[in-house]
């Protein structure tokens, strides 16, 4: 089979990637000459590619030595990849441990594009009467502890856009008044977890806490849910601390430093 020739764009991209890959633990900072020797590129090409990579935040230059090192833009991209690709795998043992400890259903949720949360990992309660969740199922942001925790940490403009809408009432306890919901969100931010009783359906109570990435952004929510007769208010308060501790452990696992 005839080998396809690389076009100028593909060749440029391949050279830029080659430059990124010359940095490692033993070579955290390099000069233009060294990069040229390691990649086989001439100095003018190295300068041009380094300039483009700097503009993208992928390479930074030490002002004192004029040498180059990997930029924080790569860390941000790595964090995004981690939260979307590896987070369910990383969180799984923590979810299982929490489910074993509480004997209730535990779920991990991410923010979906349509202002809802979607379950990406679930460990069901071993008990006969339990809340059944499915991977891929979605929940609103204004009802239930998981959605409200995610809502509490949204950017102000996105939060206000959601609160300006007519909110769907799923039960008598669903918070549909914007002022009341704002007060609940403030309490979530203050105590570090949220709880809800019968907001999505009568007889279902739940508690949830945020997971943060290396930049301190809330990227996911971990929740525990079960029937109200097993999860009265006092039990939700107790579970809130457990869920928060688990969420904090997962956060540290993916790079969050308080």
C-alpha atoms as a PDB file:
ATOM      1  CA  UNK A   1       0.000   0.000   0.000  1.00  0.00           C
ATOM      2  CA  UNK A   2       1.343   3.426  -0.920  1.00  0.00           C
ATOM      3  CA  UNK A   3       2.285   5.556   2.077  1.00  0.00           C
ATOM      4  CA  UNK A   4       0.379   8.831   2.280  1.00  0.00           C
ATOM      5  CA  UNK A   5       2.436  11.992   2.223  1.00  0.00           C
ATOM      6  CA  UNK A   6       2.095  14.426   5.075  1.00  0.00           C
ATOM      7  CA  UNK A   7       0.667  17.813   4.212  1.00  0.00           C
ATOM      8  CA  UNK A   8       2.147  21.034   5.651  1.00  0.00           C
ATOM      9  CA  UNK A   9      -0.442  21.260   8.433  1.00  0.00           C
ATOM     10  CA  UNK A  10       0.021  17.630   9.476  1.00  0.00           C
ATOM     11  CA  UNK A  11       3.807  18.018   9.373  1.00  0.00           C
ATOM     12  CA  UNK A  12       3.681  21.164  11.495  1.00  0.00           C
ATOM     13  CA  UNK A  13       1.423  19.479  14.032  1.00  0.00           C
ATOM     14  CA  UNK A  14       3.701  16.437  14.186  1.00  0.00           C
ATOM     15  CA  UNK A  15       6.713  18.684  14.833  1.00  0.00           C
ATOM     16  CA  UNK A  16       4.885  20.592  17.576  1.00  0.00           C
ATOM     17  CA  UNK A  17       3.930  17.315  19.255  1.00  0.00           C
ATOM     18  CA  UNK A  18       7.542  16.160  18.991  1.00  0.00           C
ATOM     19  CA  UNK A  19       8.661  19.289  20.846  1.00  0.00           C
ATOM     20  CA  UNK A  20       6.166  18.649  23.663  1.00  0.00           C
ATOM     21  CA  UNK A  21       7.403  15.079  24.021  1.00  0.00           C
ATOM     22  CA  UNK A  22      11.078  15.991  24.517  1.00  0.00           C
ATOM     23  CA  UNK A  23      10.249  17.312  27.989  1.00  0.00           C
ATOM     24  CA  UNK A  24      10.205  14.773  30.807  1.00  0.00           C
ATOM     25  CA  UNK A  25      11.240  14.326  34.446  1.00  0.00           C
ATOM     26  CA  UNK A  26      14.932  14.421  33.513  1.00  0.00           C
ATOM     27  CA  UNK A  27      14.521  17.362  31.103  1.00  0.00           C
ATOM     28  CA  UNK A  28      11.940  19.704  32.663  1.00  0.00           C
ATOM     29  CA  UNK A  29      13.492  22.811  31.066  1.00  0.00           C
ATOM     30  CA  UNK A  30      15.281  23.089  27.713  1.00  0.00           C
ATOM     31  CA  UNK A  31      16.857  25.699  25.481  1.00  0.00           C
ATOM     32  CA  UNK A  32      16.224  26.164  21.768  1.00  0.00           C
ATOM     33  CA  UNK A  33      19.481  24.453  20.762  1.00  0.00           C
ATOM     34  CA  UNK A  34      18.746  21.421  22.940  1.00  0.00           C
ATOM     35  CA  UNK A  35      15.209  21.114  21.570  1.00  0.00           C
ATOM     36  CA  UNK A  36      16.596  21.300  18.037  1.00  0.00           C
ATOM     37  CA  UNK A  37      19.119  18.560  18.733  1.00  0.00           C
ATOM     38  CA  UNK A  38      16.515  16.290  20.349  1.00  0.00           C
ATOM     39  CA  UNK A  39      13.930  16.735  17.596  1.00  0.00           C
ATOM     40  CA  UNK A  40      16.202  17.126  14.598  1.00  0.00           C
ATOM     41  CA  UNK A  41      14.599  20.487  13.746  1.00  0.00           C
ATOM     42  CA  UNK A  42      16.497  23.640  12.788  1.00  0.00           C
ATOM     43  CA  UNK A  43      16.477  26.611  15.139  1.00  0.00           C
ATOM     44  CA  UNK A  44      14.129  28.764  13.070  1.00  0.00           C
ATOM     45  CA  UNK A  45      11.496  25.993  13.024  1.00  0.00           C
ATOM     46  CA  UNK A  46      11.900  25.445  16.755  1.00  0.00           C
ATOM     47  CA  UNK A  47      11.470  29.171  17.456  1.00  0.00           C
ATOM     48  CA  UNK A  48       8.341  29.332  15.297  1.00  0.00           C
ATOM     49  CA  UNK A  49       6.728  26.306  16.887  1.00  0.00           C
ATOM     50  CA  UNK A  50       7.638  27.380  20.414  1.00  0.00           C
ATOM     51  CA  UNK A  51       5.997  30.737  19.759  1.00  0.00           C
ATOM     52  CA  UNK A  52       2.771  29.038  18.638  1.00  0.00           C
ATOM     53  CA  UNK A  53       2.823  26.680  21.615  1.00  0.00           C
ATOM     54  CA  UNK A  54       3.383  29.625  23.963  1.00  0.00           C
ATOM     55  CA  UNK A  55       0.335  31.404  22.570  1.00  0.00           C
ATOM     56  CA  UNK A  56      -1.704  28.300  23.310  1.00  0.00           C
ATOM     57  CA  UNK A  57      -0.402  28.106  26.874  1.00  0.00           C
ATOM     58  CA  UNK A  58       1.207  24.722  26.231  1.00  0.00           C
ATOM     59  CA  UNK A  59       4.784  25.979  26.566  1.00  0.00           C
ATOM     60  CA  UNK A  60       6.150  28.701  28.852  1.00  0.00           C
ATOM     61  CA  UNK A  61       9.502  30.488  28.925  1.00  0.00           C
ATOM     62  CA  UNK A  62      11.572  31.125  32.036  1.00  0.00           C
ATOM     63  CA  UNK A  63      12.196  34.880  32.002  1.00  0.00           C
ATOM     64  CA  UNK A  64      15.490  34.511  33.867  1.00  0.00           C
ATOM     65  CA  UNK A  65      17.090  31.686  31.874  1.00  0.00           C
ATOM     66  CA  UNK A  66      15.211  32.080  28.531  1.00  0.00           C
ATOM     67  CA  UNK A  67      14.717  28.309  28.605  1.00  0.00           C
ATOM     68  CA  UNK A  68      11.368  26.636  28.007  1.00  0.00           C
ATOM     69  CA  UNK A  69       9.164  24.309  30.038  1.00  0.00           C
ATOM     70  CA  UNK A  70       5.691  22.786  29.716  1.00  0.00           C
ATOM     71  CA  UNK A  71       2.868  25.241  30.388  1.00  0.00           C
ATOM     72  CA  UNK A  72      -0.158  25.150  32.665  1.00  0.00           C
ATOM     73  CA  UNK A  73      -2.394  24.853  29.609  1.00  0.00           C
ATOM     74  CA  UNK A  74      -1.360  21.204  29.420  1.00  0.00           C
ATOM     75  CA  UNK A  75      -2.332  20.724  33.052  1.00  0.00           C
ATOM     76  CA  UNK A  76      -5.790  22.132  32.344  1.00  0.00           C
ATOM     77  CA  UNK A  77      -6.236  19.818  29.359  1.00  0.00           C
ATOM     78  CA  UNK A  78      -4.997  16.862  31.401  1.00  0.00           C
ATOM     79  CA  UNK A  79      -7.516  17.720  34.107  1.00  0.00           C
ATOM     80  CA  UNK A  80     -10.353  17.836  31.588  1.00  0.00           C
ATOM     81  CA  UNK A  81      -9.334  14.500  30.116  1.00  0.00           C
ATOM     82  CA  UNK A  82      -9.094  13.000  33.590  1.00  0.00           C
ATOM     83  CA  UNK A  83     -12.483  14.162  34.743  1.00  0.00           C
ATOM     84  CA  UNK A  84     -14.312  12.919  31.659  1.00  0.00           C
ATOM     85  CA  UNK A  85     -12.415   9.732  30.839  1.00  0.00           C
ATOM     86  CA  UNK A  86     -10.946   8.369  34.048  1.00  0.00           C
ATOM     87  CA  UNK A  87     -13.097   9.788  36.838  1.00  0.00           C
ATOM     88  CA  UNK A  88     -15.592   6.872  36.979  1.00  0.00           C
ATOM     89  CA  UNK A  89     -12.695   4.403  37.136  1.00  0.00           C
ATOM     90  CA  UNK A  90     -10.842   6.406  39.772  1.00  0.00           C
ATOM     91  CA  UNK A  91     -13.974   6.956  41.853  1.00  0.00           C
ATOM     92  CA  UNK A  92     -15.235   3.370  41.679  1.00  0.00           C
ATOM     93  CA  UNK A  93     -13.450   1.973  44.785  1.00  0.00           C
ATOM     94  CA  UNK A  94     -14.522   5.033  46.775  1.00  0.00           C
ATOM     95  CA  UNK A  95     -18.139   4.603  45.650  1.00  0.00           C
ATOM     96  CA  UNK A  96     -18.045   0.923  46.584  1.00  0.00           C
ATOM     97  CA  UNK A  97     -16.567   1.674  50.012  1.00  0.00           C
ATOM     98  CA  UNK A  98     -19.255   4.283  50.665  1.00  0.00           C
ATOM     99  CA  UNK A  99     -21.995   1.890  49.531  1.00  0.00           C
ATOM    100  CA  UNK A 100     -20.597  -0.837  51.815  1.00  0.00           C
ATOM    101  CA  UNK A 101     -20.533   1.598  54.707  1.00  0.00           C
ATOM    102  CA  UNK A 102     -23.994   3.129  54.200  1.00  0.00           C
ATOM    103  CA  UNK A 103     -25.749   0.142  52.568  1.00  0.00           C
ATOM    104  CA  UNK A 104     -27.560   2.635  50.332  1.00  0.00           C
ATOM    105  CA  UNK A 105     -27.337   3.393  46.604  1.00  0.00           C
ATOM    106  CA  UNK A 106     -24.321   5.533  45.677  1.00  0.00           C
ATOM    107  CA  UNK A 107     -23.933   7.392  42.370  1.00  0.00           C
ATOM    108  CA  UNK A 108     -21.431   9.587  40.566  1.00  0.00           C
ATOM    109  CA  UNK A 109     -22.804  12.294  38.279  1.00  0.00           C
ATOM    110  CA  UNK A 110     -21.431  14.817  35.781  1.00  0.00           C
ATOM    111  CA  UNK A 111     -22.986  17.954  34.343  1.00  0.00           C
ATOM    112  CA  UNK A 112     -24.656  17.358  30.974  1.00  0.00           C
ATOM    113  CA  UNK A 113     -24.899  19.958  28.209  1.00  0.00           C
ATOM    114  CA  UNK A 114     -28.661  20.426  28.663  1.00  0.00           C
ATOM    115  CA  UNK A 115     -28.408  21.731  32.250  1.00  0.00           C
ATOM    116  CA  UNK A 116     -29.024  18.345  33.808  1.00  0.00           C
ATOM    117  CA  UNK A 117     -26.790  15.858  35.584  1.00  0.00           C
ATOM    118  CA  UNK A 118     -26.093  12.401  34.214  1.00  0.00           C
ATOM    119  CA  UNK A 119     -25.120   9.322  36.238  1.00  0.00           C
ATOM    120  CA  UNK A 120     -21.809   7.864  35.041  1.00  0.00           C
ATOM    121  CA  UNK A 121     -21.292   5.303  37.825  1.00  0.00           C
ATOM    122  CA  UNK A 122     -23.692   3.592  40.230  1.00  0.00           C
ATOM    123  CA  UNK A 123     -23.321   1.119  43.099  1.00  0.00           C
ATOM    124  CA  UNK A 124     -26.729  -0.150  44.190  1.00  0.00           C
ATOM    125  CA  UNK A 125     -27.795  -0.830  47.744  1.00  0.00           C
ATOM    126  CA  UNK A 126     -27.791  -4.522  48.715  1.00  0.00           C
ATOM    127  CA  UNK A 127     -31.070  -4.044  50.586  1.00  0.00           C
ATOM    128  CA  UNK A 128     -34.370  -5.232  49.193  1.00  0.00           C
ATOM    129  CA  UNK A 129     -36.053  -1.824  49.362  1.00  0.00           C
ATOM    130  CA  UNK A 130     -33.683   0.577  47.629  1.00  0.00           C
ATOM    131  CA  UNK A 131     -33.404   3.419  45.157  1.00  0.00           C
ATOM    132  CA  UNK A 132     -32.607   2.082  41.699  1.00  0.00           C
ATOM    133  CA  UNK A 133     -30.387   4.281  39.525  1.00  0.00           C
ATOM    134  CA  UNK A 134     -29.055   3.550  36.052  1.00  0.00           C
ATOM    135  CA  UNK A 135     -25.883   4.722  34.322  1.00  0.00           C
ATOM    136  CA  UNK A 136     -26.890   7.323  31.757  1.00  0.00           C
ATOM    137  CA  UNK A 137     -30.033   8.411  33.560  1.00  0.00           C
ATOM    138  CA  UNK A 138     -30.418  12.155  33.994  1.00  0.00           C
ATOM    139  CA  UNK A 139     -31.743  14.397  36.754  1.00  0.00           C
ATOM    140  CA  UNK A 140     -32.676  18.102  36.903  1.00  0.00           C
ATOM    141  CA  UNK A 141     -30.433  20.620  38.626  1.00  0.00           C
ATOM    142  CA  UNK A 142     -33.048  22.233  40.867  1.00  0.00           C
ATOM    143  CA  UNK A 143     -34.486  19.097  42.498  1.00  0.00           C
ATOM    144  CA  UNK A 144     -32.614  16.521  44.557  1.00  0.00           C
ATOM    145  CA  UNK A 145     -29.325  16.939  46.358  1.00  0.00           C
ATOM    146  CA  UNK A 146     -27.073  15.908  43.453  1.00  0.00           C
ATOM    147  CA  UNK A 147     -28.527  18.446  41.047  1.00  0.00           C
ATOM    148  CA  UNK A 148     -28.578  21.225  43.628  1.00  0.00           C
ATOM    149  CA  UNK A 149     -24.950  20.633  44.587  1.00  0.00           C
ATOM    150  CA  UNK A 150     -23.928  20.975  40.948  1.00  0.00           C
ATOM    151  CA  UNK A 151     -26.184  24.022  40.591  1.00  0.00           C
ATOM    152  CA  UNK A 152     -24.635  25.660  43.656  1.00  0.00           C
ATOM    153  CA  UNK A 153     -21.217  25.831  42.021  1.00  0.00           C
ATOM    154  CA  UNK A 154     -22.166  26.920  38.496  1.00  0.00           C
ATOM    155  CA  UNK A 155     -20.912  30.223  37.082  1.00  0.00           C
ATOM    156  CA  UNK A 156     -23.207  33.091  38.065  1.00  0.00           C
ATOM    157  CA  UNK A 157     -24.518  33.753  34.557  1.00  0.00           C
ATOM    158  CA  UNK A 158     -25.447  30.107  33.963  1.00  0.00           C
ATOM    159  CA  UNK A 159     -26.996  29.844  37.432  1.00  0.00           C
ATOM    160  CA  UNK A 160     -29.149  32.928  36.923  1.00  0.00           C
ATOM    161  CA  UNK A 161     -30.253  31.741  33.485  1.00  0.00           C
ATOM    162  CA  UNK A 162     -31.522  28.517  35.061  1.00  0.00           C
ATOM    163  CA  UNK A 163     -33.241  30.259  37.976  1.00  0.00           C
ATOM    164  CA  UNK A 164     -34.998  32.635  35.571  1.00  0.00           C
ATOM    165  CA  UNK A 165     -36.813  29.713  33.954  1.00  0.00           C
ATOM    166  CA  UNK A 166     -40.063  28.162  35.049  1.00  0.00           C
ATOM    167  CA  UNK A 167     -38.858  25.217  37.142  1.00  0.00           C
ATOM    168  CA  UNK A 168     -40.693  21.893  36.952  1.00  0.00           C
ATOM    169  CA  UNK A 169     -42.347  20.698  40.159  1.00  0.00           C
ATOM    170  CA  UNK A 170     -41.890  16.943  40.645  1.00  0.00           C
ATOM    171  CA  UNK A 171     -43.426  16.745  44.126  1.00  0.00           C
ATOM    172  CA  UNK A 172     -44.820  19.001  46.844  1.00  0.00           C
ATOM    173  CA  UNK A 173     -41.269  19.424  48.187  1.00  0.00           C
ATOM    174  CA  UNK A 174     -39.610  20.423  44.891  1.00  0.00           C
ATOM    175  CA  UNK A 175     -38.094  23.923  45.283  1.00  0.00           C
ATOM    176  CA  UNK A 176     -39.437  25.980  42.376  1.00  0.00           C
ATOM    177  CA  UNK A 177     -39.160  29.435  43.962  1.00  0.00           C
ATOM    178  CA  UNK A 178     -35.895  31.096  42.908  1.00  0.00           C
ATOM    179  CA  UNK A 179     -35.421  32.938  46.208  1.00  0.00           C
ATOM    180  CA  UNK A 180     -35.916  29.753  48.242  1.00  0.00           C
ATOM    181  CA  UNK A 181     -33.579  27.857  45.955  1.00  0.00           C
ATOM    182  CA  UNK A 182     -30.885  30.524  46.300  1.00  0.00           C
ATOM    183  CA  UNK A 183     -31.033  30.144  50.093  1.00  0.00           C
ATOM    184  CA  UNK A 184     -30.649  26.386  49.775  1.00  0.00           C
ATOM    185  CA  UNK A 185     -27.669  26.788  47.444  1.00  0.00           C
ATOM    186  CA  UNK A 186     -26.011  29.177  49.901  1.00  0.00           C
ATOM    187  CA  UNK A 187     -26.373  26.563  52.664  1.00  0.00           C
ATOM    188  CA  UNK A 188     -24.848  23.912  50.382  1.00  0.00           C
ATOM    189  CA  UNK A 189     -21.808  26.099  49.726  1.00  0.00           C
ATOM    190  CA  UNK A 190     -21.467  26.836  53.451  1.00  0.00           C
ATOM    191  CA  UNK A 191     -21.588  23.254  54.748  1.00  0.00           C
ATOM    192  CA  UNK A 192     -20.014  21.548  51.733  1.00  0.00           C
ATOM    193  CA  UNK A 193     -22.845  19.136  50.922  1.00  0.00           C
ATOM    194  CA  UNK A 194     -26.532  19.163  50.060  1.00  0.00           C
ATOM    195  CA  UNK A 195     -29.505  17.120  51.183  1.00  0.00           C
ATOM    196  CA  UNK A 196     -33.049  16.690  49.924  1.00  0.00           C
ATOM    197  CA  UNK A 197     -36.192  14.974  51.137  1.00  0.00           C
ATOM    198  CA  UNK A 198     -38.790  13.913  48.602  1.00  0.00           C
ATOM    199  CA  UNK A 199     -37.885  16.581  46.040  1.00  0.00           C
ATOM    200  CA  UNK A 200     -37.839  14.255  43.039  1.00  0.00           C
ATOM    201  CA  UNK A 201     -40.392  11.770  44.321  1.00  0.00           C
ATOM    202  CA  UNK A 202     -42.206  11.163  47.581  1.00  0.00           C
ATOM    203  CA  UNK A 203     -40.409   8.784  49.895  1.00  0.00           C
ATOM    204  CA  UNK A 204     -36.968   9.263  48.317  1.00  0.00           C
ATOM    205  CA  UNK A 205     -34.323  11.135  50.276  1.00  0.00           C
ATOM    206  CA  UNK A 206     -30.737  11.837  49.272  1.00  0.00           C
ATOM    207  CA  UNK A 207     -27.517  13.639  50.109  1.00  0.00           C
ATOM    208  CA  UNK A 208     -24.620  14.708  47.870  1.00  0.00           C
ATOM    209  CA  UNK A 209     -21.246  16.473  47.852  1.00  0.00           C
ATOM    210  CA  UNK A 210     -19.034  18.062  45.157  1.00  0.00           C
ATOM    211  CA  UNK A 211     -15.854  16.668  43.609  1.00  0.00           C
ATOM    212  CA  UNK A 212     -13.266  19.268  42.590  1.00  0.00           C
ATOM    213  CA  UNK A 213     -10.443  19.093  40.057  1.00  0.00           C
ATOM    214  CA  UNK A 214      -6.899  20.453  40.325  1.00  0.00           C
ATOM    215  CA  UNK A 215      -8.183  23.979  39.632  1.00  0.00           C
ATOM    216  CA  UNK A 216     -10.758  23.811  42.413  1.00  0.00           C
ATOM    217  CA  UNK A 217     -13.658  23.594  39.968  1.00  0.00           C
ATOM    218  CA  UNK A 218     -16.599  21.327  40.776  1.00  0.00           C
ATOM    219  CA  UNK A 219     -16.563  18.698  38.023  1.00  0.00           C
ATOM    220  CA  UNK A 220     -18.761  15.969  39.476  1.00  0.00           C
ATOM    221  CA  UNK A 221     -21.082  15.075  42.330  1.00  0.00           C
ATOM    222  CA  UNK A 222     -21.262  11.970  44.496  1.00  0.00           C
ATOM    223  CA  UNK A 223     -24.613  11.129  46.058  1.00  0.00           C
ATOM    224  CA  UNK A 224     -26.271   8.642  48.410  1.00  0.00           C
ATOM    225  CA  UNK A 225     -30.001   7.963  48.097  1.00  0.00           C
ATOM    226  CA  UNK A 226     -32.568   5.712  49.726  1.00  0.00           C
ATOM    227  CA  UNK A 227     -36.091   5.424  51.114  1.00  0.00           C
ATOM    228  CA  UNK A 228     -37.175   8.097  53.562  1.00  0.00           C
ATOM    229  CA  UNK A 229     -37.917   5.615  56.367  1.00  0.00           C
ATOM    230  CA  UNK A 230     -34.195   4.723  56.438  1.00  0.00           C
ATOM    231  CA  UNK A 231     -32.942   8.232  55.694  1.00  0.00           C
ATOM    232  CA  UNK A 232     -34.714  10.695  57.991  1.00  0.00           C
ATOM    233  CA  UNK A 233     -33.240  14.148  58.499  1.00  0.00           C
ATOM    234  CA  UNK A 234     -30.854  13.057  61.272  1.00  0.00           C
ATOM    235  CA  UNK A 235     -29.490  10.233  59.129  1.00  0.00           C
ATOM    236  CA  UNK A 236     -29.044  12.615  56.165  1.00  0.00           C
ATOM    237  CA  UNK A 237     -26.908  14.880  58.337  1.00  0.00           C
ATOM    238  CA  UNK A 238     -24.763  11.907  59.349  1.00  0.00           C
ATOM    239  CA  UNK A 239     -24.484  10.705  55.750  1.00  0.00           C
ATOM    240  CA  UNK A 240     -23.660  14.232  54.600  1.00  0.00           C
ATOM    241  CA  UNK A 241     -20.350  14.116  56.439  1.00  0.00           C
ATOM    242  CA  UNK A 242     -19.552  10.662  55.027  1.00  0.00           C
ATOM    243  CA  UNK A 243     -20.336  11.737  51.473  1.00  0.00           C
ATOM    244  CA  UNK A 244     -18.319  14.935  51.866  1.00  0.00           C
ATOM    245  CA  UNK A 245     -15.317  12.991  53.172  1.00  0.00           C
ATOM    246  CA  UNK A 246     -15.532  10.584  50.226  1.00  0.00           C
ATOM    247  CA  UNK A 247     -15.882  13.429  47.719  1.00  0.00           C
ATOM    248  CA  UNK A 248     -12.858  15.152  49.271  1.00  0.00           C
ATOM    249  CA  UNK A 249     -10.784  11.978  48.922  1.00  0.00           C
ATOM    250  CA  UNK A 250     -11.697  11.640  45.253  1.00  0.00           C
ATOM    251  CA  UNK A 251     -10.913  15.325  44.727  1.00  0.00           C
ATOM    252  CA  UNK A 252      -7.440  14.864  46.158  1.00  0.00           C
ATOM    253  CA  UNK A 253      -6.987  11.783  43.975  1.00  0.00           C
ATOM    254  CA  UNK A 254      -7.537  13.876  40.814  1.00  0.00           C
ATOM    255  CA  UNK A 255      -5.236  16.692  41.906  1.00  0.00           C
ATOM    256  CA  UNK A 256      -7.238  19.035  44.115  1.00  0.00           C
ATOM    257  CA  UNK A 257      -5.228  20.779  46.825  1.00  0.00           C
ATOM    258  CA  UNK A 258      -7.313  22.646  49.398  1.00  0.00           C
END
